[in-house]
Amino acid sequence: MNLADRIQSLRKTKGISQEELADNIGVSRQAVSKWESEQSTPDLDKVIIMSEYFDVTTDYILRGIEPVKNSEDRGNVIASKILYLASTALIIIGLLCAFASWYIDQSAESIWGSMIIQVVGVIGYFIGKVISKAKAHVLINWLNIVLLLFMPICLIITLIINSVAVPYPTDVLSGLVFAGVYIAIILLTFFVLKKLEKKA
């Protein structure tokens, strides 16, 4: 892989256009296009700006030499990825526990206990963010938000419609209202997260 390929690969990995890269490093889109087609090479100051923007070394951009990561960094990245996945699993478990326990005894305590499991999942997610610079995939972020919002939205809607807070819709009217609100929120959060990912 040569310099042109590395610039193009970094740009595509970040999910940005040539124009967006040009805007971020202070050159024209044509300049980026020429770099990627090997018609010209970037000045050293632009290489430095790109290395900061893509969070890589100048050695990687210029020569393809990747820095050696120490084992502690690798361990932190692996631990954070495990925590991201575990957080999603705990949120799902909490949701399923709420459904099952409400179905069996219909008590508020069962809902609170399930929410505690979900809170542990959220704490695990943030611990993963703290111990490593590795970001959770946008799909994990979206899934966690969508799963976390399910029960509170349902509790509010069923409380308004039926005067009883239930963790899942129990009749057609509350089910239809819940579905409409929940789908709208799911779509909104997905587009917001995608937009935030492109800006980052």
N, C-alpha and C. Protein backbone atom coordinates (compact mmCIF):
# COMPACT_ATOMS: atom_id res chain seq x y z
N MET A 1 0.85 -1.18 0.00
CA MET A 1 0.00 0.00 0.00
C MET A 1 0.89 1.24 0.00
N ASN A 2 0.65 2.15 -0.94
CA ASN A 2 1.45 3.37 -1.01
C ASN A 2 0.77 4.53 -0.27
N LEU A 3 1.40 5.72 -0.33
CA LEU A 3 0.88 6.89 0.36
C LEU A 3 -0.55 7.21 -0.06
N ALA A 4 -0.80 7.18 -1.37
CA ALA A 4 -2.14 7.49 -1.88
C ALA A 4 -3.17 6.51 -1.35
N ASP A 5 -2.82 5.22 -1.35
CA ASP A 5 -3.74 4.18 -0.84
C ASP A 5 -4.01 4.36 0.64
N ARG A 6 -2.97 4.73 1.41
CA ARG A 6 -3.15 4.90 2.85
C ARG A 6 -4.08 6.08 3.15
N ILE A 7 -3.92 7.18 2.44
CA ILE A 7 -4.79 8.34 2.65
C ILE A 7 -6.23 7.96 2.33
N GLN A 8 -6.42 7.28 1.20
CA GLN A 8 -7.77 6.88 0.80
C GLN A 8 -8.37 5.89 1.80
N SER A 9 -7.56 4.95 2.26
CA SER A 9 -8.03 3.95 3.22
C SER A 9 -8.43 4.60 4.54
N LEU A 10 -7.61 5.53 5.03
CA LEU A 10 -7.93 6.23 6.28
C LEU A 10 -9.21 7.03 6.14
N ARG A 11 -9.38 7.68 4.99
CA ARG A 11 -10.57 8.48 4.74
C ARG A 11 -11.82 7.60 4.72
N LYS A 12 -11.73 6.49 4.01
CA LYS A 12 -12.89 5.59 3.90
C LYS A 12 -13.21 4.91 5.23
N THR A 13 -12.17 4.57 5.99
CA THR A 13 -12.38 3.97 7.31
C THR A 13 -13.13 4.94 8.21
N LYS A 14 -12.82 6.21 8.10
CA LYS A 14 -13.50 7.23 8.91
C LYS A 14 -14.89 7.53 8.35
N GLY A 15 -15.16 7.09 7.12
CA GLY A 15 -16.48 7.26 6.52
C GLY A 15 -16.75 8.68 6.06
N ILE A 16 -15.72 9.35 5.53
CA ILE A 16 -15.91 10.73 5.07
C ILE A 16 -15.57 10.84 3.59
N SER A 17 -16.09 11.89 2.96
CA SER A 17 -15.83 12.13 1.54
C SER A 17 -14.52 12.89 1.38
N GLN A 18 -14.06 12.99 0.14
CA GLN A 18 -12.86 13.78 -0.15
C GLN A 18 -13.07 15.23 0.26
N GLU A 19 -14.28 15.73 0.02
CA GLU A 19 -14.59 17.11 0.36
C GLU A 19 -14.54 17.34 1.87
N GLU A 20 -15.07 16.38 2.65
CA GLU A 20 -15.03 16.51 4.11
C GLU A 20 -13.59 16.48 4.63
N LEU A 21 -12.77 15.60 4.06
CA LEU A 21 -11.36 15.56 4.46
C LEU A 21 -10.69 16.88 4.12
N ALA A 22 -10.95 17.38 2.93
CA ALA A 22 -10.36 18.65 2.49
C ALA A 22 -10.73 19.78 3.45
N ASP A 23 -12.00 19.84 3.83
CA ASP A 23 -12.47 20.89 4.76
C ASP A 23 -11.76 20.79 6.11
N ASN A 24 -11.55 19.56 6.58
CA ASN A 24 -10.96 19.36 7.90
C ASN A 24 -9.47 19.65 7.96
N ILE A 25 -8.78 19.54 6.82
CA ILE A 25 -7.33 19.80 6.86
C ILE A 25 -6.93 21.07 6.13
N GLY A 26 -7.94 21.78 5.58
CA GLY A 26 -7.67 23.10 4.99
C GLY A 26 -7.08 23.08 3.59
N VAL A 27 -7.56 22.16 2.75
CA VAL A 27 -7.14 22.14 1.35
C VAL A 27 -8.39 22.00 0.48
N SER A 28 -8.20 22.03 -0.84
CA SER A 28 -9.34 21.86 -1.75
C SER A 28 -9.63 20.38 -1.95
N ARG A 29 -10.83 20.07 -2.40
CA ARG A 29 -11.19 18.68 -2.69
C ARG A 29 -10.31 18.14 -3.80
N GLN A 30 -9.96 19.00 -4.74
CA GLN A 30 -9.09 18.58 -5.85
C GLN A 30 -7.72 18.13 -5.35
N ALA A 31 -7.22 18.82 -4.30
CA ALA A 31 -5.92 18.44 -3.74
C ALA A 31 -5.98 17.02 -3.17
N VAL A 32 -7.06 16.73 -2.43
CA VAL A 32 -7.22 15.38 -1.87
C VAL A 32 -7.34 14.36 -2.99
N SER A 33 -8.10 14.70 -4.02
CA SER A 33 -8.27 13.81 -5.17
C SER A 33 -6.91 13.51 -5.83
N LYS A 34 -6.08 14.54 -5.97
CA LYS A 34 -4.75 14.35 -6.57
C LYS A 34 -3.85 13.48 -5.69
N TRP A 35 -3.96 13.65 -4.37
CA TRP A 35 -3.16 12.82 -3.46
C TRP A 35 -3.55 11.36 -3.62
N GLU A 36 -4.86 11.11 -3.69
CA GLU A 36 -5.35 9.72 -3.75
C GLU A 36 -5.13 9.08 -5.11
N SER A 37 -4.94 9.89 -6.14
CA SER A 37 -4.69 9.34 -7.48
C SER A 37 -3.21 9.41 -7.86
N GLU A 38 -2.36 9.71 -6.88
CA GLU A 38 -0.91 9.76 -7.04
C GLU A 38 -0.44 10.83 -8.03
N GLN A 39 -1.25 11.88 -8.24
CA GLN A 39 -0.84 12.97 -9.12
C GLN A 39 0.03 13.98 -8.38
N SER A 40 -0.10 14.00 -7.03
CA SER A 40 0.75 14.86 -6.20
C SER A 40 0.82 14.26 -4.80
N THR A 41 1.70 14.82 -3.98
CA THR A 41 1.81 14.36 -2.59
C THR A 41 1.56 15.54 -1.65
N PRO A 42 1.02 15.26 -0.48
CA PRO A 42 0.74 16.36 0.46
C PRO A 42 2.01 16.94 1.06
N ASP A 43 1.96 18.24 1.38
CA ASP A 43 3.07 18.88 2.08
C ASP A 43 3.17 18.29 3.48
N LEU A 44 4.33 18.45 4.10
CA LEU A 44 4.57 17.87 5.42
C LEU A 44 3.59 18.40 6.46
N ASP A 45 3.25 19.70 6.39
CA ASP A 45 2.32 20.25 7.38
C ASP A 45 0.93 19.62 7.24
N LYS A 46 0.54 19.27 6.02
CA LYS A 46 -0.75 18.62 5.81
C LYS A 46 -0.70 17.16 6.29
N VAL A 47 0.44 16.53 6.16
CA VAL A 47 0.61 15.16 6.67
C VAL A 47 0.45 15.16 8.19
N ILE A 48 1.02 16.18 8.85
CA ILE A 48 0.92 16.28 10.31
C ILE A 48 -0.54 16.49 10.72
N ILE A 49 -1.25 17.38 10.00
CA ILE A 49 -2.67 17.63 10.30
C ILE A 49 -3.48 16.36 10.10
N MET A 50 -3.20 15.63 8.99
CA MET A 50 -3.92 14.37 8.74
C MET A 50 -3.63 13.33 9.82
N SER A 51 -2.38 13.27 10.28
CA SER A 51 -2.05 12.28 11.30
C SER A 51 -2.83 12.55 12.59
N GLU A 52 -2.99 13.82 12.93
CA GLU A 52 -3.79 14.17 14.11
C GLU A 52 -5.26 13.89 13.87
N TYR A 53 -5.73 14.22 12.67
CA TYR A 53 -7.15 14.04 12.35
C TYR A 53 -7.53 12.55 12.35
N PHE A 54 -6.68 11.72 11.77
CA PHE A 54 -6.97 10.28 11.69
C PHE A 54 -6.46 9.50 12.91
N ASP A 55 -5.76 10.19 13.82
CA ASP A 55 -5.22 9.57 15.03
C ASP A 55 -4.25 8.43 14.68
N VAL A 56 -3.34 8.73 13.75
CA VAL A 56 -2.27 7.81 13.38
C VAL A 56 -0.96 8.59 13.40
N THR A 57 0.15 7.89 13.26
CA THR A 57 1.44 8.58 13.24
C THR A 57 1.73 9.08 11.83
N THR A 58 2.62 10.07 11.74
CA THR A 58 3.05 10.55 10.42
C THR A 58 3.82 9.44 9.71
N ASP A 59 4.54 8.61 10.47
CA ASP A 59 5.25 7.47 9.88
C ASP A 59 4.29 6.53 9.16
N TYR A 60 3.10 6.35 9.75
CA TYR A 60 2.13 5.46 9.11
C TYR A 60 1.66 6.08 7.78
N ILE A 61 1.35 7.35 7.78
CA ILE A 61 0.87 7.99 6.54
C ILE A 61 1.96 7.98 5.48
N LEU A 62 3.17 8.35 5.86
CA LEU A 62 4.26 8.49 4.88
C LEU A 62 4.85 7.15 4.44
N ARG A 63 5.05 6.23 5.40
CA ARG A 63 5.77 4.99 5.07
C ARG A 63 5.01 3.71 5.39
N GLY A 64 3.84 3.83 6.02
CA GLY A 64 3.06 2.64 6.35
C GLY A 64 3.53 1.89 7.56
N ILE A 65 4.39 2.55 8.37
CA ILE A 65 4.92 1.91 9.57
C ILE A 65 3.97 2.17 10.72
N GLU A 66 3.40 1.11 11.25
CA GLU A 66 2.47 1.25 12.37
C GLU A 66 3.22 1.17 13.68
N PRO A 67 2.84 2.01 14.65
CA PRO A 67 3.52 1.94 15.94
C PRO A 67 3.19 0.64 16.66
N VAL A 68 4.15 0.15 17.42
CA VAL A 68 3.94 -1.07 18.18
C VAL A 68 3.11 -0.73 19.40
N LYS A 69 1.97 -1.38 19.51
CA LYS A 69 1.12 -1.14 20.70
C LYS A 69 1.58 -2.04 21.82
N ASN A 70 1.64 -1.47 23.01
CA ASN A 70 2.05 -2.32 24.11
C ASN A 70 0.90 -3.22 24.54
N SER A 71 1.24 -4.27 25.25
CA SER A 71 0.25 -5.28 25.60
C SER A 71 -0.83 -4.73 26.53
N GLU A 72 -0.48 -3.70 27.33
CA GLU A 72 -1.48 -3.11 28.23
C GLU A 72 -2.58 -2.42 27.42
N ASP A 73 -2.19 -1.68 26.37
CA ASP A 73 -3.18 -1.04 25.50
C ASP A 73 -4.08 -2.07 24.85
N ARG A 74 -3.47 -3.14 24.34
CA ARG A 74 -4.27 -4.20 23.71
C ARG A 74 -5.23 -4.83 24.70
N GLY A 75 -4.75 -5.06 25.93
CA GLY A 75 -5.59 -5.63 26.97
C GLY A 75 -6.76 -4.72 27.31
N ASN A 76 -6.50 -3.41 27.36
CA ASN A 76 -7.57 -2.45 27.65
C ASN A 76 -8.61 -2.42 26.54
N VAL A 77 -8.16 -2.50 25.30
CA VAL A 77 -9.08 -2.49 24.16
C VAL A 77 -9.96 -3.74 24.20
N ILE A 78 -9.35 -4.89 24.47
CA ILE A 78 -10.12 -6.14 24.55
C ILE A 78 -11.11 -6.08 25.71
N ALA A 79 -10.64 -5.59 26.86
CA ALA A 79 -11.53 -5.49 28.03
C ALA A 79 -12.71 -4.56 27.75
N SER A 80 -12.45 -3.44 27.08
CA SER A 80 -13.53 -2.50 26.80
C SER A 80 -14.54 -3.11 25.82
N LYS A 81 -14.06 -3.85 24.84
CA LYS A 81 -14.98 -4.50 23.90
C LYS A 81 -15.85 -5.54 24.60
N ILE A 82 -15.24 -6.28 25.53
CA ILE A 82 -16.01 -7.26 26.31
C ILE A 82 -17.06 -6.54 27.15
N LEU A 83 -16.67 -5.42 27.76
CA LEU A 83 -17.62 -4.66 28.58
C LEU A 83 -18.75 -4.09 27.72
N TYR A 84 -18.43 -3.64 26.50
CA TYR A 84 -19.49 -3.12 25.61
C TYR A 84 -20.53 -4.21 25.31
N LEU A 85 -20.03 -5.41 24.99
CA LEU A 85 -20.95 -6.51 24.68
C LEU A 85 -21.70 -6.97 25.93
N ALA A 86 -21.00 -7.02 27.07
CA ALA A 86 -21.65 -7.43 28.32
C ALA A 86 -22.73 -6.43 28.72
N SER A 87 -22.48 -5.15 28.46
CA SER A 87 -23.49 -4.14 28.81
C SER A 87 -24.77 -4.37 28.03
N THR A 88 -24.64 -4.67 26.75
CA THR A 88 -25.82 -4.95 25.93
C THR A 88 -26.54 -6.20 26.44
N ALA A 89 -25.76 -7.23 26.78
CA ALA A 89 -26.36 -8.47 27.29
C ALA A 89 -27.12 -8.22 28.60
N LEU A 90 -26.55 -7.43 29.51
CA LEU A 90 -27.22 -7.13 30.78
C LEU A 90 -28.49 -6.32 30.57
N ILE A 91 -28.46 -5.41 29.62
CA ILE A 91 -29.67 -4.61 29.33
C ILE A 91 -30.78 -5.53 28.80
N ILE A 92 -30.41 -6.46 27.92
CA ILE A 92 -31.40 -7.42 27.39
C ILE A 92 -31.92 -8.31 28.52
N ILE A 93 -31.03 -8.80 29.37
CA ILE A 93 -31.43 -9.67 30.49
C ILE A 93 -32.39 -8.92 31.42
N GLY A 94 -32.07 -7.66 31.72
CA GLY A 94 -32.93 -6.86 32.57
C GLY A 94 -34.33 -6.70 31.98
N LEU A 95 -34.38 -6.48 30.67
CA LEU A 95 -35.67 -6.33 29.98
C LEU A 95 -36.48 -7.62 30.04
N LEU A 96 -35.82 -8.74 29.76
CA LEU A 96 -36.50 -10.04 29.80
C LEU A 96 -36.97 -10.40 31.22
N CYS A 97 -36.15 -10.05 32.21
CA CYS A 97 -36.53 -10.30 33.61
C CYS A 97 -37.77 -9.48 33.98
N ALA A 98 -37.82 -8.23 33.49
CA ALA A 98 -39.00 -7.39 33.78
C ALA A 98 -40.25 -8.02 33.19
N PHE A 99 -40.15 -8.50 31.94
CA PHE A 99 -41.31 -9.13 31.29
C PHE A 99 -41.77 -10.36 32.07
N ALA A 100 -40.80 -11.22 32.40
CA ALA A 100 -41.14 -12.49 33.07
C ALA A 100 -41.69 -12.26 34.47
N SER A 101 -41.03 -11.40 35.23
CA SER A 101 -41.49 -11.20 36.61
C SER A 101 -42.83 -10.46 36.66
N TRP A 102 -43.06 -9.53 35.72
CA TRP A 102 -44.37 -8.86 35.70
C TRP A 102 -45.47 -9.86 35.32
N TYR A 103 -45.14 -10.74 34.39
CA TYR A 103 -46.11 -11.74 33.96
C TYR A 103 -46.49 -12.67 35.12
N ILE A 104 -45.51 -12.98 35.98
CA ILE A 104 -45.75 -13.91 37.09
C ILE A 104 -46.47 -13.24 38.26
N ASP A 105 -45.92 -12.10 38.76
CA ASP A 105 -46.54 -11.55 39.98
C ASP A 105 -47.00 -10.09 39.89
N GLN A 106 -46.75 -9.41 38.81
CA GLN A 106 -47.22 -8.05 38.55
C GLN A 106 -47.00 -7.11 39.73
N SER A 107 -45.74 -7.02 40.16
CA SER A 107 -45.39 -6.11 41.25
C SER A 107 -44.35 -5.10 40.78
N ALA A 108 -44.40 -3.93 41.38
CA ALA A 108 -43.45 -2.87 41.03
C ALA A 108 -42.02 -3.27 41.38
N GLU A 109 -41.87 -4.08 42.43
CA GLU A 109 -40.52 -4.51 42.84
C GLU A 109 -39.81 -5.28 41.73
N SER A 110 -40.59 -6.07 40.99
CA SER A 110 -39.98 -6.84 39.90
C SER A 110 -39.44 -5.91 38.81
N ILE A 111 -40.14 -4.82 38.57
CA ILE A 111 -39.67 -3.86 37.56
C ILE A 111 -38.40 -3.18 38.05
N TRP A 112 -38.39 -2.76 39.33
CA TRP A 112 -37.21 -2.09 39.87
C TRP A 112 -35.99 -3.02 39.86
N GLY A 113 -36.19 -4.28 40.21
CA GLY A 113 -35.08 -5.23 40.19
C GLY A 113 -34.50 -5.39 38.79
N SER A 114 -35.37 -5.42 37.79
CA SER A 114 -34.92 -5.54 36.41
C SER A 114 -34.17 -4.29 35.96
N MET A 115 -34.64 -3.14 36.41
CA MET A 115 -33.96 -1.89 36.05
C MET A 115 -32.57 -1.81 36.67
N ILE A 116 -32.40 -2.42 37.84
CA ILE A 116 -31.08 -2.45 38.48
C ILE A 116 -30.10 -3.25 37.61
N ILE A 117 -30.57 -4.35 37.05
CA ILE A 117 -29.72 -5.14 36.14
C ILE A 117 -29.31 -4.29 34.95
N GLN A 118 -30.25 -3.51 34.41
CA GLN A 118 -29.93 -2.64 33.27
C GLN A 118 -28.95 -1.55 33.66
N VAL A 119 -29.09 -1.00 34.85
CA VAL A 119 -28.16 0.04 35.32
C VAL A 119 -26.75 -0.54 35.43
N VAL A 120 -26.63 -1.78 35.89
CA VAL A 120 -25.31 -2.43 35.95
C VAL A 120 -24.72 -2.52 34.53
N GLY A 121 -25.57 -2.82 33.55
CA GLY A 121 -25.12 -2.85 32.16
C GLY A 121 -24.61 -1.50 31.69
N VAL A 122 -25.32 -0.44 32.04
CA VAL A 122 -24.90 0.93 31.66
C VAL A 122 -23.57 1.28 32.32
N ILE A 123 -23.42 0.92 33.59
CA ILE A 123 -22.16 1.18 34.29
C ILE A 123 -21.00 0.45 33.60
N GLY A 124 -21.24 -0.81 33.21
CA GLY A 124 -20.22 -1.57 32.49
C GLY A 124 -19.82 -0.90 31.19
N TYR A 125 -20.81 -0.34 30.48
CA TYR A 125 -20.53 0.37 29.22
C TYR A 125 -19.59 1.56 29.48
N PHE A 126 -19.90 2.36 30.49
CA PHE A 126 -19.08 3.54 30.76
C PHE A 126 -17.70 3.18 31.31
N ILE A 127 -17.60 2.08 32.04
CA ILE A 127 -16.28 1.62 32.47
C ILE A 127 -15.45 1.26 31.24
N GLY A 128 -16.08 0.60 30.26
CA GLY A 128 -15.40 0.27 29.01
C GLY A 128 -14.89 1.51 28.30
N LYS A 129 -15.66 2.59 28.33
CA LYS A 129 -15.24 3.84 27.69
C LYS A 129 -14.06 4.46 28.43
N VAL A 130 -14.05 4.33 29.76
CA VAL A 130 -12.99 4.95 30.57
C VAL A 130 -11.66 4.22 30.40
N ILE A 131 -11.68 2.88 30.37
CA ILE A 131 -10.41 2.14 30.37
C ILE A 131 -9.74 2.08 29.01
N SER A 132 -10.44 2.45 27.95
CA SER A 132 -9.83 2.36 26.63
C SER A 132 -10.35 3.45 25.71
N LYS A 133 -9.49 3.83 24.75
CA LYS A 133 -9.91 4.81 23.75
C LYS A 133 -10.75 4.16 22.66
N ALA A 134 -10.81 2.84 22.65
CA ALA A 134 -11.60 2.14 21.63
C ALA A 134 -13.07 2.47 21.82
N LYS A 135 -13.68 2.94 20.76
CA LYS A 135 -15.09 3.33 20.84
C LYS A 135 -15.97 2.13 20.53
N ALA A 136 -17.14 2.14 21.14
CA ALA A 136 -18.12 1.10 20.82
C ALA A 136 -18.65 1.37 19.42
N HIS A 137 -18.94 0.33 18.70
CA HIS A 137 -19.51 0.47 17.36
C HIS A 137 -20.84 1.19 17.46
N VAL A 138 -21.16 1.98 16.44
CA VAL A 138 -22.41 2.76 16.46
C VAL A 138 -23.62 1.85 16.65
N LEU A 139 -23.55 0.61 16.16
CA LEU A 139 -24.67 -0.33 16.31
C LEU A 139 -24.86 -0.73 17.78
N ILE A 140 -23.75 -0.91 18.51
CA ILE A 140 -23.84 -1.24 19.94
C ILE A 140 -24.45 -0.06 20.70
N ASN A 141 -23.97 1.15 20.39
CA ASN A 141 -24.53 2.34 21.05
C ASN A 141 -26.03 2.44 20.80
N TRP A 142 -26.41 2.27 19.55
CA TRP A 142 -27.82 2.39 19.18
C TRP A 142 -28.66 1.30 19.85
N LEU A 143 -28.17 0.08 19.83
CA LEU A 143 -28.90 -1.03 20.43
C LEU A 143 -29.09 -0.82 21.93
N ASN A 144 -28.04 -0.35 22.62
CA ASN A 144 -28.15 -0.08 24.05
C ASN A 144 -29.20 0.98 24.34
N ILE A 145 -29.19 2.06 23.57
CA ILE A 145 -30.17 3.13 23.78
C ILE A 145 -31.58 2.62 23.52
N VAL A 146 -31.75 1.91 22.41
CA VAL A 146 -33.08 1.40 22.05
C VAL A 146 -33.61 0.45 23.12
N LEU A 147 -32.76 -0.45 23.61
CA LEU A 147 -33.19 -1.40 24.64
C LEU A 147 -33.48 -0.70 25.97
N LEU A 148 -32.65 0.29 26.32
CA LEU A 148 -32.86 1.01 27.57
C LEU A 148 -34.15 1.82 27.56
N LEU A 149 -34.52 2.34 26.40
CA LEU A 149 -35.72 3.18 26.32
C LEU A 149 -37.02 2.37 26.29
N PHE A 150 -36.94 1.08 25.97
CA PHE A 150 -38.15 0.28 25.82
C PHE A 150 -39.04 0.35 27.07
N MET A 151 -38.48 -0.01 28.21
CA MET A 151 -39.31 -0.11 29.42
C MET A 151 -39.82 1.26 29.91
N PRO A 152 -38.97 2.30 30.00
CA PRO A 152 -39.49 3.59 30.46
C PRO A 152 -40.61 4.14 29.57
N ILE A 153 -40.44 4.01 28.24
CA ILE A 153 -41.48 4.49 27.33
C ILE A 153 -42.77 3.71 27.54
N CYS A 154 -42.65 2.39 27.66
CA CYS A 154 -43.83 1.55 27.86
C CYS A 154 -44.51 1.85 29.19
N LEU A 155 -43.72 2.04 30.25
CA LEU A 155 -44.29 2.35 31.56
C LEU A 155 -45.08 3.66 31.51
N ILE A 156 -44.53 4.67 30.84
CA ILE A 156 -45.21 5.97 30.75
C ILE A 156 -46.49 5.86 29.94
N ILE A 157 -46.42 5.19 28.78
CA ILE A 157 -47.60 5.08 27.91
C ILE A 157 -48.70 4.27 28.58
N THR A 158 -48.36 3.14 29.18
CA THR A 158 -49.40 2.33 29.83
C THR A 158 -49.97 3.04 31.06
N LEU A 159 -49.14 3.83 31.74
CA LEU A 159 -49.64 4.60 32.89
C LEU A 159 -50.64 5.66 32.43
N ILE A 160 -50.33 6.34 31.32
CA ILE A 160 -51.24 7.37 30.80
C ILE A 160 -52.54 6.76 30.29
N ILE A 161 -52.43 5.67 29.54
CA ILE A 161 -53.62 5.07 28.91
C ILE A 161 -54.43 4.22 29.87
N ASN A 162 -53.75 3.37 30.65
CA ASN A 162 -54.46 2.39 31.50
C ASN A 162 -54.41 2.70 32.99
N SER A 163 -53.71 3.77 33.38
CA SER A 163 -53.52 4.15 34.79
C SER A 163 -52.73 3.10 35.58
N VAL A 164 -52.04 2.21 34.88
CA VAL A 164 -51.18 1.21 35.51
C VAL A 164 -49.88 1.13 34.70
N ALA A 165 -48.73 1.27 35.39
CA ALA A 165 -47.44 1.19 34.70
C ALA A 165 -47.06 -0.27 34.50
N VAL A 166 -46.92 -0.67 33.22
CA VAL A 166 -46.61 -2.06 32.86
C VAL A 166 -45.38 -2.05 31.94
N PRO A 167 -44.46 -3.01 32.09
CA PRO A 167 -43.23 -2.99 31.27
C PRO A 167 -43.42 -3.39 29.80
N TYR A 168 -44.62 -3.84 29.43
CA TYR A 168 -44.89 -4.15 28.02
C TYR A 168 -46.38 -3.87 27.77
N PRO A 169 -46.74 -3.53 26.53
CA PRO A 169 -48.14 -3.21 26.24
C PRO A 169 -49.05 -4.42 26.50
N THR A 170 -50.19 -4.18 27.16
CA THR A 170 -51.09 -5.28 27.50
C THR A 170 -52.41 -5.21 26.75
N ASP A 171 -52.62 -4.14 25.98
CA ASP A 171 -53.85 -4.04 25.19
C ASP A 171 -53.53 -3.40 23.85
N VAL A 172 -54.50 -3.42 22.94
CA VAL A 172 -54.27 -2.95 21.56
C VAL A 172 -53.94 -1.47 21.53
N LEU A 173 -54.68 -0.64 22.25
CA LEU A 173 -54.47 0.81 22.20
C LEU A 173 -53.08 1.18 22.71
N SER A 174 -52.72 0.68 23.89
CA SER A 174 -51.39 1.01 24.41
C SER A 174 -50.30 0.42 23.51
N GLY A 175 -50.57 -0.74 22.90
CA GLY A 175 -49.60 -1.34 21.97
C GLY A 175 -49.38 -0.49 20.74
N LEU A 176 -50.46 0.05 20.17
CA LEU A 176 -50.33 0.90 18.96
C LEU A 176 -49.63 2.21 19.28
N VAL A 177 -50.02 2.85 20.38
CA VAL A 177 -49.38 4.12 20.76
C VAL A 177 -47.90 3.87 21.05
N PHE A 178 -47.62 2.81 21.81
CA PHE A 178 -46.23 2.48 22.13
C PHE A 178 -45.42 2.24 20.86
N ALA A 179 -45.97 1.43 19.94
CA ALA A 179 -45.25 1.11 18.70
C ALA A 179 -44.91 2.38 17.92
N GLY A 180 -45.87 3.29 17.81
CA GLY A 180 -45.63 4.54 17.07
C GLY A 180 -44.54 5.38 17.70
N VAL A 181 -44.64 5.58 19.02
CA VAL A 181 -43.65 6.40 19.73
C VAL A 181 -42.27 5.72 19.70
N TYR A 182 -42.25 4.42 19.94
CA TYR A 182 -40.98 3.70 20.03
C TYR A 182 -40.26 3.67 18.67
N ILE A 183 -40.99 3.41 17.61
CA ILE A 183 -40.37 3.40 16.27
C ILE A 183 -39.81 4.77 15.92
N ALA A 184 -40.57 5.82 16.24
CA ALA A 184 -40.08 7.19 15.97
C ALA A 184 -38.78 7.46 16.73
N ILE A 185 -38.73 7.05 18.00
CA ILE A 185 -37.53 7.27 18.81
C ILE A 185 -36.36 6.42 18.30
N ILE A 186 -36.63 5.18 17.90
CA ILE A 186 -35.58 4.31 17.35
C ILE A 186 -34.94 4.96 16.12
N LEU A 187 -35.76 5.45 15.20
CA LEU A 187 -35.25 6.08 13.98
C LEU A 187 -34.48 7.36 14.30
N LEU A 188 -35.03 8.15 15.20
CA LEU A 188 -34.38 9.41 15.56
C LEU A 188 -33.01 9.16 16.18
N THR A 189 -32.93 8.22 17.13
CA THR A 189 -31.63 7.94 17.77
C THR A 189 -30.62 7.40 16.77
N PHE A 190 -31.09 6.58 15.80
CA PHE A 190 -30.16 6.04 14.80
C PHE A 190 -29.55 7.16 13.96
N PHE A 191 -30.39 8.09 13.50
CA PHE A 191 -29.88 9.18 12.66
C PHE A 191 -29.00 10.13 13.45
N VAL A 192 -29.34 10.38 14.71
CA VAL A 192 -28.50 11.25 15.55
C VAL A 192 -27.14 10.61 15.78
N LEU A 193 -27.11 9.32 16.09
CA LEU A 193 -25.83 8.63 16.32
C LEU A 193 -24.97 8.59 15.06
N LYS A 194 -25.61 8.37 13.92
CA LYS A 194 -24.86 8.36 12.65
C LYS A 194 -24.24 9.72 12.39
N LYS A 195 -25.01 10.78 12.65
CA LYS A 195 -24.51 12.14 12.44
C LYS A 195 -23.35 12.44 13.38
N LEU A 196 -23.49 12.04 14.64
CA LEU A 196 -22.42 12.26 15.61
C LEU A 196 -21.15 11.48 15.24
N GLU A 197 -21.33 10.27 14.71
CA GLU A 197 -20.18 9.45 14.30
C GLU A 197 -19.43 10.11 13.16
N LYS A 198 -20.16 10.71 12.22
CA LYS A 198 -19.49 11.38 11.10
C LYS A 198 -18.73 12.62 11.54
N LYS A 199 -19.24 13.31 12.56
CA LYS A 199 -18.57 14.51 13.06
C LYS A 199 -17.32 14.16 13.84
N ALA A 200 -17.34 12.99 14.50
CA ALA A 200 -16.20 12.59 15.35
C ALA A 200 -14.98 12.24 14.52
